[in-house]
Amino acid sequence: MSTLILIPARMASTRLPGKPLADIAGMPMIAHVAARASEAKLGRVVVATDTEEVAVAVRARGFEALMTRADHASGSDRIFEALSALDPKRDVETIVNVQGDLPTIDPALIGAALRPFENESVDIATLGVEIEREEEKTNPNVVKIVGSPLSPHRLRALYFTRATAPYGDGPLYHHVGLYAYRRAALERFVSMKPSPLEQRERLEQLRALEAGMRIDAEIVRSVPLGVDTPQDLERAREILSRQQDQANGGQDQ
């Protein structure tokens, strides 16, 4: 499949203003995300942004950036505008939406999001991780996948919720907000209005499920660090500085 990786980035974060340009180990966060996406070696990588500063910073690091409108309601709308501009001949079959606040993401996780497309009936693919910490099971900021197991490493998603679900004994799964779309699925998704459950749970992916679209989740081992707060940013700096030091130490030897 011809794959395009799109990274939506906007400056208007309420909890961490200007976070795409936050310095991490000498490089803006958005450039780290672009680098990780490039390392996945799945196809073309483009940052879709509404801010010229972000585009300049991305290009300065040798990556591709595209300016998009500032009035998009969601990252999905932004990546659809980018797709339409970048691929007018409709050669791209699969679009991967990598959030712009995942500077430490393992490139292998980006590739894992495509595995559910082995089944031709899957419209949208995503990732999940089994929850191990008890406090996360009741944390509304940890979105859970309620799904039917297809194999030890895959679920067919039936619902997404901020509540603790499903009830009873058995594993709970943390949803990782990284999505892969078949082109037709993305086109259909952005054409629909927000759905009732989407608005109630504040979870965009419920729009697809309410419309009868199929979402499968690949189960992976680790949740990538999402940078939403100053504390998250400091943790990302520690992780990437340590990796940089280890890489430099290996080169010195």
Protein backbone atom coordinates (compact mmCIF):
# COMPACT_ATOMS: atom_id res chain seq x y z
CA MET A 1 0.00 0.00 0.00
CA SER A 2 1.15 3.55 -0.73
CA THR A 3 1.39 5.22 2.69
CA LEU A 4 1.56 8.86 3.72
CA ILE A 5 2.43 9.81 7.31
CA LEU A 6 0.89 13.11 8.37
CA ILE A 7 1.71 14.92 11.61
CA PRO A 8 -0.82 17.62 12.57
CA ALA A 9 0.69 20.41 14.64
CA ARG A 10 -0.89 23.55 16.07
CA MET A 11 0.41 26.10 18.53
CA ALA A 12 -2.85 26.69 20.39
CA SER A 13 -2.37 24.20 23.22
CA THR A 14 -4.08 25.35 26.41
CA ARG A 15 -1.97 23.31 28.85
CA LEU A 16 1.40 23.82 27.14
CA PRO A 17 1.33 26.82 24.78
CA GLY A 18 3.70 26.65 21.83
CA LYS A 19 4.59 23.03 22.50
CA PRO A 20 5.51 22.04 18.90
CA LEU A 21 8.52 24.37 19.17
CA ALA A 22 9.49 23.37 22.71
CA ASP A 23 13.21 22.57 22.77
CA ILE A 24 14.11 18.97 23.54
CA ALA A 25 17.79 18.03 23.43
CA GLY A 26 18.53 20.90 21.05
CA MET A 27 15.70 20.29 18.60
CA PRO A 28 12.04 21.40 18.54
CA MET A 29 9.59 18.72 19.61
CA ILE A 30 7.82 18.60 16.24
CA ALA A 31 11.14 17.83 14.51
CA HIS A 32 11.69 14.89 16.88
CA VAL A 33 8.29 13.50 15.89
CA ALA A 34 9.09 13.93 12.20
CA ALA A 35 12.42 12.16 12.72
CA ARG A 36 10.76 9.21 14.44
CA ALA A 37 8.14 8.98 11.71
CA SER A 38 10.86 9.01 9.04
CA GLU A 39 12.68 6.22 10.86
CA ALA A 40 9.56 4.06 10.48
CA LYS A 41 10.37 3.95 6.73
CA LEU A 42 6.72 3.59 5.68
CA GLY A 43 6.54 6.42 3.18
CA ARG A 44 6.48 10.19 2.83
CA VAL A 45 6.33 12.19 6.07
CA VAL A 46 4.76 15.67 6.18
CA VAL A 47 3.97 18.00 9.09
CA ALA A 48 0.62 19.75 8.58
CA THR A 49 0.49 23.01 10.54
CA ASP A 50 -1.33 26.33 10.72
CA THR A 51 1.72 28.24 11.99
CA GLU A 52 4.54 29.51 9.80
CA GLU A 53 7.06 29.24 12.67
CA VAL A 54 6.39 25.51 12.92
CA ALA A 55 6.78 25.03 9.19
CA VAL A 56 10.09 26.94 9.20
CA ALA A 57 11.42 24.90 12.14
CA VAL A 58 10.46 21.61 10.47
CA ARG A 59 12.06 22.54 7.14
CA ALA A 60 15.21 23.75 8.89
CA ARG A 61 15.68 20.18 10.11
CA GLY A 62 15.28 18.75 6.63
CA PHE A 63 11.68 17.59 6.91
CA GLU A 64 8.64 18.51 4.84
CA ALA A 65 5.91 20.85 6.10
CA LEU A 66 2.62 22.05 4.64
CA MET A 67 0.58 25.06 5.71
CA THR A 68 -3.10 24.33 6.42
CA ARG A 69 -6.08 26.39 7.55
CA ALA A 70 -6.24 27.61 11.15
CA ASP A 71 -9.94 26.87 11.70
CA HIS A 72 -9.93 23.07 11.72
CA ALA A 73 -11.94 21.48 14.52
CA SER A 74 -9.67 18.42 14.74
CA GLY A 75 -6.43 16.87 13.61
CA SER A 76 -8.40 14.58 11.29
CA ASP A 77 -9.75 17.58 9.40
CA ARG A 78 -6.25 19.03 9.16
CA ILE A 79 -4.71 15.85 7.76
CA PHE A 80 -7.51 15.53 5.22
CA GLU A 81 -6.78 19.02 3.91
CA ALA A 82 -3.10 18.08 3.73
CA LEU A 83 -3.86 14.81 1.94
CA SER A 84 -5.99 16.60 -0.65
CA ALA A 85 -3.21 19.11 -1.34
CA LEU A 86 -0.34 16.62 -1.37
CA ASP A 87 -1.99 13.86 -3.39
CA PRO A 88 -4.46 15.29 -5.93
CA LYS A 89 -3.98 12.23 -8.16
CA ARG A 90 -5.16 9.96 -5.31
CA ASP A 91 -2.16 7.65 -5.38
CA VAL A 92 -2.02 7.34 -1.58
CA GLU A 93 -4.03 4.42 -0.22
CA THR A 94 -3.25 4.64 3.50
CA ILE A 95 -2.80 7.65 5.77
CA VAL A 96 -1.16 7.45 9.20
CA ASN A 97 -1.98 10.25 11.64
CA VAL A 98 0.89 10.62 14.14
CA GLN A 99 0.19 13.14 16.87
CA GLY A 100 2.69 15.99 17.00
CA ASP A 101 3.30 15.60 20.74
CA LEU A 102 4.91 12.14 20.69
CA PRO A 103 8.64 12.99 20.51
CA THR A 104 9.83 9.70 22.01
CA ILE A 105 7.61 7.34 20.02
CA ASP A 106 9.23 4.11 18.87
CA PRO A 107 9.11 4.05 15.04
CA ALA A 108 8.08 0.39 15.24
CA LEU A 109 4.80 1.44 16.87
CA ILE A 110 3.94 3.53 13.82
CA GLY A 111 4.39 0.48 11.63
CA ALA A 112 2.35 -1.65 14.04
CA ALA A 113 -0.68 0.57 13.46
CA LEU A 114 -0.87 -0.69 9.87
CA ARG A 115 -1.06 -4.39 10.73
CA PRO A 116 -4.85 -4.56 11.17
CA PHE A 117 -5.19 -3.68 7.47
CA GLU A 118 -4.26 -7.29 6.78
CA ASN A 119 -8.04 -7.67 7.06
CA GLU A 120 -9.64 -5.88 4.12
CA SER A 121 -12.81 -5.09 6.10
CA VAL A 122 -10.94 -2.81 8.54
CA ASP A 123 -11.55 0.89 7.86
CA ILE A 124 -9.41 2.46 10.59
CA ALA A 125 -6.54 0.95 12.57
CA THR A 126 -5.11 2.07 15.88
CA LEU A 127 -3.09 0.86 18.88
CA GLY A 128 -3.79 -0.36 22.40
CA VAL A 129 -1.76 -1.37 25.46
CA GLU A 130 -2.90 -3.57 28.32
CA ILE A 131 -3.31 -1.46 31.48
CA GLU A 132 -1.10 -2.64 34.35
CA ARG A 133 -1.34 0.23 36.83
CA GLU A 134 -4.51 0.12 38.93
CA GLU A 135 -4.91 3.91 39.07
CA GLU A 136 -5.09 4.09 35.28
CA LYS A 137 -8.15 1.83 35.21
CA THR A 138 -10.27 4.54 36.83
CA ASN A 139 -8.52 7.59 35.36
CA PRO A 140 -10.85 9.35 32.86
CA ASN A 141 -7.81 10.74 31.03
CA VAL A 142 -6.82 7.18 30.14
CA VAL A 143 -9.15 6.20 27.28
CA LYS A 144 -10.11 2.53 27.27
CA ILE A 145 -10.83 0.28 24.31
CA VAL A 146 -13.76 -2.07 24.76
CA GLY A 147 -13.18 -4.72 22.14
CA SER A 148 -13.67 -8.26 21.00
CA PRO A 149 -10.37 -10.22 20.94
CA LEU A 150 -9.38 -11.44 17.49
CA SER A 151 -5.99 -12.79 18.56
CA PRO A 152 -3.55 -12.25 21.47
CA HIS A 153 -2.38 -9.05 19.77
CA ARG A 154 -5.52 -7.61 18.19
CA LEU A 155 -8.97 -6.34 19.16
CA ARG A 156 -11.97 -5.37 17.12
CA ALA A 157 -13.06 -2.14 18.79
CA LEU A 158 -16.69 -2.04 19.89
CA TYR A 159 -16.47 1.13 21.98
CA PHE A 160 -14.04 3.68 23.42
CA THR A 161 -14.68 5.23 26.82
CA ARG A 162 -13.19 7.31 29.61
CA ALA A 163 -15.00 5.11 32.13
CA THR A 164 -13.65 1.86 33.60
CA ALA A 165 -14.80 -0.77 31.11
CA PRO A 166 -15.59 -3.51 30.42
CA TYR A 167 -16.89 -4.72 33.77
CA GLY A 168 -15.68 -7.97 35.34
CA ASP A 169 -12.49 -9.98 35.36
CA GLY A 170 -10.05 -9.63 32.51
CA PRO A 171 -7.65 -7.14 30.98
CA LEU A 172 -8.40 -3.49 30.27
CA TYR A 173 -6.76 -1.75 27.34
CA HIS A 174 -5.41 1.79 27.11
CA HIS A 175 -6.09 3.37 23.73
CA VAL A 176 -3.08 4.98 22.05
CA GLY A 177 -4.32 7.85 19.86
CA LEU A 178 -2.38 7.02 16.72
CA TYR A 179 -4.56 6.21 13.70
CA ALA A 180 -4.16 4.70 10.26
CA TYR A 181 -6.95 5.27 7.74
CA ARG A 182 -7.82 3.77 4.43
CA ARG A 183 -8.28 6.74 2.14
CA ALA A 184 -12.01 6.17 1.63
CA ALA A 185 -12.49 5.84 5.39
CA LEU A 186 -10.81 9.19 6.10
CA GLU A 187 -12.87 10.88 3.40
CA ARG A 188 -16.08 9.47 4.87
CA PHE A 189 -15.07 10.27 8.44
CA VAL A 190 -14.41 13.98 7.86
CA SER A 191 -17.63 14.32 5.86
CA MET A 192 -19.75 13.36 8.89
CA LYS A 193 -20.90 15.62 11.69
CA PRO A 194 -19.81 14.91 15.28
CA SER A 195 -21.94 12.11 16.68
CA PRO A 196 -23.87 12.02 19.99
CA LEU A 197 -21.51 9.60 21.75
CA GLU A 198 -18.47 11.41 20.38
CA GLN A 199 -19.72 14.63 21.94
CA ARG A 200 -20.65 12.96 25.21
CA GLU A 201 -17.35 11.09 25.73
CA ARG A 202 -15.26 13.73 23.90
CA LEU A 203 -13.74 10.97 21.78
CA GLU A 204 -13.64 11.58 18.04
CA GLN A 205 -13.26 7.91 17.08
CA LEU A 206 -16.79 7.14 18.30
CA ARG A 207 -18.11 9.00 15.26
CA ALA A 208 -16.71 6.22 13.08
CA LEU A 209 -18.15 3.42 15.22
CA GLU A 210 -21.59 5.04 15.36
CA ALA A 211 -21.54 5.22 11.57
CA GLY A 212 -20.82 1.48 11.32
CA MET A 213 -17.16 1.78 10.39
CA ARG A 214 -14.77 -0.89 11.60
CA ILE A 215 -11.81 -0.03 13.86
CA ASP A 216 -9.27 -2.69 14.85
CA ALA A 217 -6.53 -2.12 17.43
CA GLU A 218 -3.11 -3.73 17.41
CA ILE A 219 -2.00 -4.50 20.97
CA VAL A 220 1.55 -3.31 21.67
CA ARG A 221 3.71 -3.33 24.78
CA SER A 222 4.23 0.33 25.66
CA VAL A 223 2.34 3.62 25.66
CA PRO A 224 4.34 6.40 23.97
CA LEU A 225 4.83 9.53 26.06
CA GLY A 226 2.38 12.23 25.05
CA VAL A 227 3.60 15.72 25.98
CA ASP A 228 0.65 17.65 27.40
CA THR A 229 2.10 19.33 30.50
CA PRO A 230 5.39 20.92 31.61
CA GLN A 231 6.07 17.74 33.59
CA ASP A 232 5.66 15.64 30.44
CA LEU A 233 8.05 17.95 28.62
CA GLU A 234 10.72 17.52 31.28
CA ARG A 235 10.35 13.76 31.10
CA ALA A 236 10.73 13.83 27.30
CA ARG A 237 13.85 15.96 27.69
CA GLU A 238 15.33 13.44 30.09
CA ILE A 239 14.56 10.48 27.83
CA LEU A 240 15.90 12.03 24.63
CA SER A 241 18.96 13.58 26.29
CA ARG A 242 19.84 10.17 27.71
CA GLN A 243 19.40 8.55 24.30
CA GLN A 244 21.54 11.25 22.71
CA ASP A 245 24.28 10.73 25.31
CA GLN A 246 24.21 6.96 24.74
CA ALA A 247 24.45 7.44 20.97
CA ASN A 248 27.35 9.85 21.33
CA GLY A 249 29.09 7.49 23.74
CA GLY A 250 28.79 4.66 21.21
CA GLN A 251 30.28 6.86 18.49
CA ASP A 252 33.21 7.84 20.73
CA GLN A 253 34.05 4.19 21.23
